[in-house]
Amino acid sequence: MNKPMTLRQLVAHARAESAPHVDVADKVLGILAAPRPLVSYRPLMWIASFSSAAAACLAVVSFLVARASTSNALSGMYEVISWAAQ
């Protein structure tokens, strides 16, 4: 464009245009009615179970190791945690 369009001209052009008629209902219904493949979530369930058990064991071990530590910075934090856990 050689001449820049003003905002009013752009608004006038936008209002003059109409949206194209598109009918996608049949295609969407066909996709929704298509049979879905069966997915077994059992392996994911076992992985999540073992991961949770391992995380719990590591949390207990880290708590015991930190409790045995003589660091003052950590001992204060663990005293608060043990007080809240009681």
PDB file of N, CA and C in Angstrom:
ATOM      1  N   MET A   1       0.830  -1.177   0.000  1.00  0.00           N
ATOM      2  CA  MET A   1       0.000   0.000   0.000  1.00  0.00           C
ATOM      3  C   MET A   1       0.874   1.239   0.000  1.00  0.00           C
ATOM      4  N   ASN A   2       0.557   2.117  -0.852  1.00  0.00           N
ATOM      5  CA  ASN A   2       1.297   3.371  -0.894  1.00  0.00           C
ATOM      6  C   ASN A   2       0.838   4.317   0.190  1.00  0.00           C
ATOM      7  N   LYS A   3      -0.446   4.319   0.442  1.00  0.00           N
ATOM      8  CA  LYS A   3      -1.023   5.236   1.413  1.00  0.00           C
ATOM      9  C   LYS A   3      -1.426   4.445   2.653  1.00  0.00           C
ATOM     10  N   PRO A   4      -0.939   4.814   3.822  1.00  0.00           N
ATOM     11  CA  PRO A   4      -1.328   4.071   5.022  1.00  0.00           C
ATOM     12  C   PRO A   4      -2.811   4.259   5.326  1.00  0.00           C
ATOM     13  N   MET A   5      -3.434   3.171   5.699  1.00  0.00           N
ATOM     14  CA  MET A   5      -4.862   3.214   6.006  1.00  0.00           C
ATOM     15  C   MET A   5      -5.062   3.711   7.435  1.00  0.00           C
ATOM     16  N   THR A   6      -6.064   4.500   7.624  1.00  0.00           N
ATOM     17  CA  THR A   6      -6.380   4.963   8.971  1.00  0.00           C
ATOM     18  C   THR A   6      -7.177   3.886   9.692  1.00  0.00           C
ATOM     19  N   LEU A   7      -7.282   4.045  10.972  1.00  0.00           N
ATOM     20  CA  LEU A   7      -8.011   3.073  11.783  1.00  0.00           C
ATOM     21  C   LEU A   7      -9.478   3.012  11.386  1.00  0.00           C
ATOM     22  N   ARG A   8     -10.064   4.125  11.047  1.00  0.00           N
ATOM     23  CA  ARG A   8     -11.485   4.131  10.650  1.00  0.00           C
ATOM     24  C   ARG A   8     -11.691   3.367   9.345  1.00  0.00           C
ATOM     25  N   GLN A   9     -10.754   3.510   8.427  1.00  0.00           N
ATOM     26  CA  GLN A   9     -10.881   2.761   7.174  1.00  0.00           C
ATOM     27  C   GLN A   9     -10.747   1.268   7.420  1.00  0.00           C
ATOM     28  N   LEU A  10      -9.824   0.893   8.288  1.00  0.00           N
ATOM     29  CA  LEU A  10      -9.670  -0.527   8.616  1.00  0.00           C
ATOM     30  C   LEU A  10     -10.922  -1.073   9.289  1.00  0.00           C
ATOM     31  N   VAL A  11     -11.528  -0.303  10.178  1.00  0.00           N
ATOM     32  CA  VAL A  11     -12.761  -0.725  10.842  1.00  0.00           C
ATOM     33  C   VAL A  11     -13.878  -0.881   9.812  1.00  0.00           C
ATOM     34  N   ALA A  12     -13.957   0.021   8.873  1.00  0.00           N
ATOM     35  CA  ALA A  12     -14.997  -0.054   7.833  1.00  0.00           C
ATOM     36  C   ALA A  12     -14.812  -1.294   6.971  1.00  0.00           C
ATOM     37  N   HIS A  13     -13.571  -1.610   6.614  1.00  0.00           N
ATOM     38  CA  HIS A  13     -13.309  -2.824   5.834  1.00  0.00           C
ATOM     39  C   HIS A  13     -13.643  -4.079   6.639  1.00  0.00           C
ATOM     40  N   ALA A  14     -13.304  -4.073   7.913  1.00  0.00           N
ATOM     41  CA  ALA A  14     -13.575  -5.240   8.750  1.00  0.00           C
ATOM     42  C   ALA A  14     -15.067  -5.469   8.918  1.00  0.00           C
ATOM     43  N   ARG A  15     -15.836  -4.401   9.055  1.00  0.00           N
ATOM     44  CA  ARG A  15     -17.284  -4.555   9.214  1.00  0.00           C
ATOM     45  C   ARG A  15     -17.953  -4.977   7.912  1.00  0.00           C
ATOM     46  N   ALA A  16     -17.359  -4.644   6.798  1.00  0.00           N
ATOM     47  CA  ALA A  16     -17.955  -4.998   5.507  1.00  0.00           C
ATOM     48  C   ALA A  16     -17.766  -6.474   5.183  1.00  0.00           C
ATOM     49  N   GLU A  17     -16.739  -7.093   5.734  1.00  0.00           N
ATOM     50  CA  GLU A  17     -16.479  -8.505   5.446  1.00  0.00           C
ATOM     51  C   GLU A  17     -17.431  -9.389   6.249  1.00  0.00           C
ATOM     52  N   SER A  18     -17.700 -10.564   5.690  1.00  0.00           N
ATOM     53  CA  SER A  18     -18.530 -11.535   6.405  1.00  0.00           C
ATOM     54  C   SER A  18     -17.730 -12.822   6.571  1.00  0.00           C
ATOM     55  N   ALA A  19     -18.041 -13.538   7.621  1.00  0.00           N
ATOM     56  CA  ALA A  19     -17.331 -14.783   7.894  1.00  0.00           C
ATOM     57  C   ALA A  19     -17.783 -15.861   6.916  1.00  0.00           C
ATOM     58  N   PRO A  20     -16.871 -16.688   6.455  1.00  0.00           N
ATOM     59  CA  PRO A  20     -17.261 -17.763   5.541  1.00  0.00           C
ATOM     60  C   PRO A  20     -18.102 -18.812   6.276  1.00  0.00           C
ATOM     61  N   HIS A  21     -19.019 -19.443   5.583  1.00  0.00           N
ATOM     62  CA  HIS A  21     -19.862 -20.480   6.166  1.00  0.00           C
ATOM     63  C   HIS A  21     -19.091 -21.800   6.153  1.00  0.00           C
ATOM     64  N   VAL A  22     -18.879 -22.332   7.322  1.00  0.00           N
ATOM     65  CA  VAL A  22     -18.135 -23.579   7.462  1.00  0.00           C
ATOM     66  C   VAL A  22     -18.966 -24.523   8.320  1.00  0.00           C
ATOM     67  N   ASP A  23     -19.158 -25.727   7.834  1.00  0.00           N
ATOM     68  CA  ASP A  23     -19.919 -26.730   8.593  1.00  0.00           C
ATOM     69  C   ASP A  23     -19.002 -27.916   8.869  1.00  0.00           C
ATOM     70  N   VAL A  24     -18.600 -28.039  10.097  1.00  0.00           N
ATOM     71  CA  VAL A  24     -17.694 -29.124  10.478  1.00  0.00           C
ATOM     72  C   VAL A  24     -18.350 -30.099  11.447  1.00  0.00           C
ATOM     73  N   ALA A  25     -19.648 -29.997  11.643  1.00  0.00           N
ATOM     74  CA  ALA A  25     -20.338 -30.831  12.631  1.00  0.00           C
ATOM     75  C   ALA A  25     -20.206 -32.310  12.310  1.00  0.00           C
ATOM     76  N   ASP A  26     -20.380 -32.691  11.047  1.00  0.00           N
ATOM     77  CA  ASP A  26     -20.293 -34.116  10.692  1.00  0.00           C
ATOM     78  C   ASP A  26     -18.883 -34.661  10.941  1.00  0.00           C
ATOM     79  N   LYS A  27     -17.881 -33.878  10.619  1.00  0.00           N
ATOM     80  CA  LYS A  27     -16.509 -34.327  10.815  1.00  0.00           C
ATOM     81  C   LYS A  27     -16.191 -34.479  12.304  1.00  0.00           C
ATOM     82  N   VAL A  28     -16.646 -33.539  13.109  1.00  0.00           N
ATOM     83  CA  VAL A  28     -16.399 -33.601  14.555  1.00  0.00           C
ATOM     84  C   VAL A  28     -17.124 -34.786  15.165  1.00  0.00           C
ATOM     85  N   LEU A  29     -18.373 -35.003  14.787  1.00  0.00           N
ATOM     86  CA  LEU A  29     -19.122 -36.149  15.308  1.00  0.00           C
ATOM     87  C   LEU A  29     -18.486 -37.464  14.879  1.00  0.00           C
ATOM     88  N   GLY A  30     -17.941 -37.504  13.673  1.00  0.00           N
ATOM     89  CA  GLY A  30     -17.248 -38.714  13.216  1.00  0.00           C
ATOM     90  C   GLY A  30     -16.001 -38.998  14.034  1.00  0.00           C
ATOM     91  N   ILE A  31     -15.260 -37.958  14.384  1.00  0.00           N
ATOM     92  CA  ILE A  31     -14.058 -38.135  15.212  1.00  0.00           C
ATOM     93  C   ILE A  31     -14.441 -38.588  16.611  1.00  0.00           C
ATOM     94  N   LEU A  32     -15.512 -38.010  17.165  1.00  0.00           N
ATOM     95  CA  LEU A  32     -15.939 -38.398  18.509  1.00  0.00           C
ATOM     96  C   LEU A  32     -16.495 -39.812  18.565  1.00  0.00           C
ATOM     97  N   ALA A  33     -17.115 -40.264  17.466  1.00  0.00           N
ATOM     98  CA  ALA A  33     -17.711 -41.600  17.448  1.00  0.00           C
ATOM     99  C   ALA A  33     -16.699 -42.683  17.121  1.00  0.00           C
ATOM    100  N   ALA A  34     -15.511 -42.325  16.675  1.00  0.00           N
ATOM    101  CA  ALA A  34     -14.494 -43.324  16.313  1.00  0.00           C
ATOM    102  C   ALA A  34     -14.065 -44.099  17.547  1.00  0.00           C
ATOM    103  N   PRO A  35     -13.866 -45.408  17.395  1.00  0.00           N
ATOM    104  CA  PRO A  35     -13.445 -46.201  18.562  1.00  0.00           C
ATOM    105  C   PRO A  35     -12.024 -45.816  18.998  1.00  0.00           C
ATOM    106  N   ARG A  36     -11.859 -45.701  20.292  1.00  0.00           N
ATOM    107  CA  ARG A  36     -10.554 -45.344  20.841  1.00  0.00           C
ATOM    108  C   ARG A  36      -9.753 -46.606  21.122  1.00  0.00           C
ATOM    109  N   PRO A  37      -8.446 -46.546  20.940  1.00  0.00           N
ATOM    110  CA  PRO A  37      -7.631 -47.736  21.258  1.00  0.00           C
ATOM    111  C   PRO A  37      -7.588 -47.963  22.772  1.00  0.00           C
ATOM    112  N   LEU A  38      -7.569 -49.218  23.152  1.00  0.00           N
ATOM    113  CA  LEU A  38      -7.502 -49.550  24.571  1.00  0.00           C
ATOM    114  C   LEU A  38      -6.088 -49.315  25.082  1.00  0.00           C
ATOM    115  N   VAL A  39      -5.984 -48.624  26.191  1.00  0.00           N
ATOM    116  CA  VAL A  39      -4.697 -48.338  26.795  1.00  0.00           C
ATOM    117  C   VAL A  39      -4.696 -48.933  28.190  1.00  0.00           C
ATOM    118  N   SER A  40      -3.683 -49.718  28.476  1.00  0.00           N
ATOM    119  CA  SER A  40      -3.571 -50.302  29.801  1.00  0.00           C
ATOM    120  C   SER A  40      -2.739 -49.383  30.688  1.00  0.00           C
ATOM    121  N   TYR A  41      -3.331 -48.944  31.772  1.00  0.00           N
ATOM    122  CA  TYR A  41      -2.629 -48.063  32.699  1.00  0.00           C
ATOM    123  C   TYR A  41      -1.974 -48.839  33.833  1.00  0.00           C
ATOM    124  N   ARG A  42      -2.058 -50.156  33.793  1.00  0.00           N
ATOM    125  CA  ARG A  42      -1.499 -50.973  34.868  1.00  0.00           C
ATOM    126  C   ARG A  42       0.019 -50.809  35.012  1.00  0.00           C
ATOM    127  N   PRO A  43       0.805 -50.800  33.920  1.00  0.00           N
ATOM    128  CA  PRO A  43       2.251 -50.583  34.100  1.00  0.00           C
ATOM    129  C   PRO A  43       2.569 -49.221  34.722  1.00  0.00           C
ATOM    130  N   LEU A  44       1.819 -48.204  34.340  1.00  0.00           N
ATOM    131  CA  LEU A  44       2.050 -46.880  34.925  1.00  0.00           C
ATOM    132  C   LEU A  44       1.697 -46.874  36.406  1.00  0.00           C
ATOM    133  N   MET A  45       0.671 -47.644  36.762  1.00  0.00           N
ATOM    134  CA  MET A  45       0.275 -47.737  38.159  1.00  0.00           C
ATOM    135  C   MET A  45       1.397 -48.367  38.988  1.00  0.00           C
ATOM    136  N   TRP A  46       2.020 -49.424  38.470  1.00  0.00           N
ATOM    137  CA  TRP A  46       3.101 -50.080  39.199  1.00  0.00           C
ATOM    138  C   TRP A  46       4.321 -49.175  39.308  1.00  0.00           C
ATOM    139  N   ILE A  47       4.637 -48.459  38.240  1.00  0.00           N
ATOM    140  CA  ILE A  47       5.777 -47.541  38.282  1.00  0.00           C
ATOM    141  C   ILE A  47       5.536 -46.449  39.317  1.00  0.00           C
ATOM    142  N   ALA A  48       4.318 -45.913  39.351  1.00  0.00           N
ATOM    143  CA  ALA A  48       3.994 -44.872  40.333  1.00  0.00           C
ATOM    144  C   ALA A  48       4.063 -45.423  41.759  1.00  0.00           C
ATOM    145  N   SER A  49       3.612 -46.646  41.956  1.00  0.00           N
ATOM    146  CA  SER A  49       3.651 -47.260  43.292  1.00  0.00           C
ATOM    147  C   SER A  49       5.084 -47.447  43.765  1.00  0.00           C
ATOM    148  N   PHE A  50       5.931 -48.000  42.893  1.00  0.00           N
ATOM    149  CA  PHE A  50       7.329 -48.215  43.276  1.00  0.00           C
ATOM    150  C   PHE A  50       8.056 -46.882  43.480  1.00  0.00           C
ATOM    151  N   SER A  51       7.744 -45.886  42.680  1.00  0.00           N
ATOM    152  CA  SER A  51       8.373 -44.575  42.841  1.00  0.00           C
ATOM    153  C   SER A  51       7.977 -43.948  44.175  1.00  0.00           C
ATOM    154  N   SER A  52       6.714 -44.069  44.543  1.00  0.00           N
ATOM    155  CA  SER A  52       6.251 -43.522  45.820  1.00  0.00           C
ATOM    156  C   SER A  52       6.905 -44.243  46.991  1.00  0.00           C
ATOM    157  N   ALA A  53       7.021 -45.561  46.900  1.00  0.00           N
ATOM    158  CA  ALA A  53       7.660 -46.323  47.975  1.00  0.00           C
ATOM    159  C   ALA A  53       9.134 -45.942  48.099  1.00  0.00           C
ATOM    160  N   ALA A  54       9.819 -45.794  46.975  1.00  0.00           N
ATOM    161  CA  ALA A  54      11.229 -45.406  47.012  1.00  0.00           C
ATOM    162  C   ALA A  54      11.389 -43.998  47.578  1.00  0.00           C
ATOM    163  N   ALA A  55      10.507 -43.089  47.203  1.00  0.00           N
ATOM    164  CA  ALA A  55      10.589 -41.723  47.724  1.00  0.00           C
ATOM    165  C   ALA A  55      10.353 -41.703  49.229  1.00  0.00           C
ATOM    166  N   ALA A  56       9.430 -42.516  49.715  1.00  0.00           N
ATOM    167  CA  ALA A  56       9.178 -42.572  51.157  1.00  0.00           C
ATOM    168  C   ALA A  56      10.388 -43.132  51.898  1.00  0.00           C
ATOM    169  N   CYS A  57      11.001 -44.170  51.341  1.00  0.00           N
ATOM    170  CA  CYS A  57      12.199 -44.739  51.974  1.00  0.00           C
ATOM    171  C   CYS A  57      13.335 -43.725  52.002  1.00  0.00           C
ATOM    172  N   LEU A  58      13.548 -43.025  50.907  1.00  0.00           N
ATOM    173  CA  LEU A  58      14.609 -42.018  50.861  1.00  0.00           C
ATOM    174  C   LEU A  58      14.334 -40.862  51.824  1.00  0.00           C
ATOM    175  N   ALA A  59      13.077 -40.508  51.976  1.00  0.00           N
ATOM    176  CA  ALA A  59      12.742 -39.442  52.921  1.00  0.00           C
ATOM    177  C   ALA A  59      13.065 -39.863  54.352  1.00  0.00           C
ATOM    178  N   VAL A  60      12.760 -41.098  54.699  1.00  0.00           N
ATOM    179  CA  VAL A  60      13.056 -41.594  56.051  1.00  0.00           C
ATOM    180  C   VAL A  60      14.567 -41.647  56.270  1.00  0.00           C
ATOM    181  N   VAL A  61      15.300 -42.174  55.285  1.00  0.00           N
ATOM    182  CA  VAL A  61      16.756 -42.272  55.425  1.00  0.00           C
ATOM    183  C   VAL A  61      17.376 -40.882  55.533  1.00  0.00           C
ATOM    184  N   SER A  62      16.938 -39.955  54.700  1.00  0.00           N
ATOM    185  CA  SER A  62      17.519 -38.608  54.762  1.00  0.00           C
ATOM    186  C   SER A  62      17.185 -37.932  56.087  1.00  0.00           C
ATOM    187  N   PHE A  63      16.002 -38.184  56.616  1.00  0.00           N
ATOM    188  CA  PHE A  63      15.648 -37.611  57.917  1.00  0.00           C
ATOM    189  C   PHE A  63      16.549 -38.184  59.014  1.00  0.00           C
ATOM    190  N   LEU A  64      16.805 -39.491  58.966  1.00  0.00           N
ATOM    191  CA  LEU A  64      17.656 -40.106  59.983  1.00  0.00           C
ATOM    192  C   LEU A  64      19.099 -39.635  59.862  1.00  0.00           C
ATOM    193  N   VAL A  65      19.591 -39.498  58.644  1.00  0.00           N
ATOM    194  CA  VAL A  65      20.964 -39.020  58.449  1.00  0.00           C
ATOM    195  C   VAL A  65      21.094 -37.577  58.911  1.00  0.00           C
ATOM    196  N   ALA A  66      20.136 -36.752  58.570  1.00  0.00           N
ATOM    197  CA  ALA A  66      20.193 -35.355  58.970  1.00  0.00           C
ATOM    198  C   ALA A  66      20.034 -35.212  60.480  1.00  0.00           C
ATOM    199  N   ARG A  67      19.272 -36.097  61.065  1.00  0.00           N
ATOM    200  CA  ARG A  67      19.072 -36.053  62.524  1.00  0.00           C
ATOM    201  C   ARG A  67      20.377 -36.383  63.250  1.00  0.00           C
ATOM    202  N   ALA A  68      21.171 -37.287  62.644  1.00  0.00           N
ATOM    203  CA  ALA A  68      22.442 -37.665  63.249  1.00  0.00           C
ATOM    204  C   ALA A  68      23.517 -36.618  62.984  1.00  0.00           C
ATOM    205  N   SER A  69      23.261 -35.705  62.082  1.00  0.00           N
ATOM    206  CA  SER A  69      24.234 -34.671  61.744  1.00  0.00           C
ATOM    207  C   SER A  69      24.393 -33.708  62.911  1.00  0.00           C
ATOM    208  N   THR A  70      25.595 -33.144  63.036  1.00  0.00           N
ATOM    209  CA  THR A  70      25.864 -32.222  64.131  1.00  0.00           C
ATOM    210  C   THR A  70      25.814 -30.768  63.674  1.00  0.00           C
ATOM    211  N   SER A  71      25.365 -30.538  62.468  1.00  0.00           N
ATOM    212  CA  SER A  71      25.304 -29.178  61.955  1.00  0.00           C
ATOM    213  C   SER A  71      24.215 -28.393  62.678  1.00  0.00           C
ATOM    214  N   ASN A  72      24.540 -27.209  63.120  1.00  0.00           N
ATOM    215  CA  ASN A  72      23.575 -26.383  63.841  1.00  0.00           C
ATOM    216  C   ASN A  72      22.485 -25.844  62.931  1.00  0.00           C
ATOM    217  N   ALA A  73      22.830 -25.549  61.683  1.00  0.00           N
ATOM    218  CA  ALA A  73      21.833 -25.002  60.764  1.00  0.00           C
ATOM    219  C   ALA A  73      20.735 -26.012  60.494  1.00  0.00           C
ATOM    220  N   LEU A  74      21.115 -27.255  60.320  1.00  0.00           N
ATOM    221  CA  LEU A  74      20.110 -28.287  60.043  1.00  0.00           C
ATOM    222  C   LEU A  74      19.382 -28.719  61.307  1.00  0.00           C
ATOM    223  N   SER A  75      20.075 -28.733  62.434  1.00  0.00           N
ATOM    224  CA  SER A  75      19.421 -29.223  63.650  1.00  0.00           C
ATOM    225  C   SER A  75      18.266 -28.324  64.057  1.00  0.00           C
ATOM    226  N   GLY A  76      18.402 -27.025  63.877  1.00  0.00           N
ATOM    227  CA  GLY A  76      17.307 -26.124  64.192  1.00  0.00           C
ATOM    228  C   GLY A  76      16.099 -26.359  63.313  1.00  0.00           C
ATOM    229  N   MET A  77      16.349 -26.601  62.041  1.00  0.00           N
ATOM    230  CA  MET A  77      15.253 -26.856  61.112  1.00  0.00           C
ATOM    231  C   MET A  77      14.557 -28.170  61.454  1.00  0.00           C
ATOM    232  N   TYR A  78      15.343 -29.186  61.766  1.00  0.00           N
ATOM    233  CA  TYR A  78      14.738 -30.483  62.074  1.00  0.00           C
ATOM    234  C   TYR A  78      14.028 -30.486  63.430  1.00  0.00           C
ATOM    235  N   GLU A  79      14.449 -29.644  64.334  1.00  0.00           N
ATOM    236  CA  GLU A  79      13.713 -29.530  65.598  1.00  0.00           C
ATOM    237  C   GLU A  79      12.323 -28.966  65.350  1.00  0.00           C
ATOM    238  N   VAL A  80      12.232 -27.997  64.451  1.00  0.00           N
ATOM    239  CA  VAL A  80      10.923 -27.423  64.116  1.00  0.00           C
ATOM    240  C   VAL A  80      10.064 -28.467  63.422  1.00  0.00           C
ATOM    241  N   ILE A  81      10.677 -29.233  62.497  1.00  0.00           N
ATOM    242  CA  ILE A  81       9.906 -30.253  61.777  1.00  0.00           C
ATOM    243  C   ILE A  81       9.442 -31.338  62.728  1.00  0.00           C
ATOM    244  N   SER A  82      10.313 -31.795  63.618  1.00  0.00           N
ATOM    245  CA  SER A  82       9.915 -32.840  64.556  1.00  0.00           C
ATOM    246  C   SER A  82       8.877 -32.332  65.540  1.00  0.00           C
ATOM    247  N   TRP A  83       8.949 -31.050  65.912  1.00  0.00           N
ATOM    248  CA  TRP A  83       7.935 -30.489  66.794  1.00  0.00           C
ATOM    249  C   TRP A  83       6.581 -30.441  66.092  1.00  0.00           C
ATOM    250  N   ALA A  84       6.582 -30.079  64.799  1.00  0.00           N
ATOM    251  CA  ALA A  84       5.315 -29.992  64.058  1.00  0.00           C
ATOM    252  C   ALA A  84       4.746 -31.385  63.800  1.00  0.00           C
ATOM    253  N   ALA A  85       5.598 -32.396  63.693  1.00  0.00           N
ATOM    254  CA  ALA A  85       5.135 -33.751  63.412  1.00  0.00           C
ATOM    255  C   ALA A  85       4.508 -34.418  64.635  1.00  0.00           C
ATOM    256  N   GLN A  86       4.785 -33.893  65.815  1.00  0.00           N
ATOM    257  CA  GLN A  86       4.259 -34.540  67.039  1.00  0.00           C
ATOM    258  C   GLN A  86       2.808 -34.254  67.249  1.00  0.00           C
TER     259      GLN A  86
END
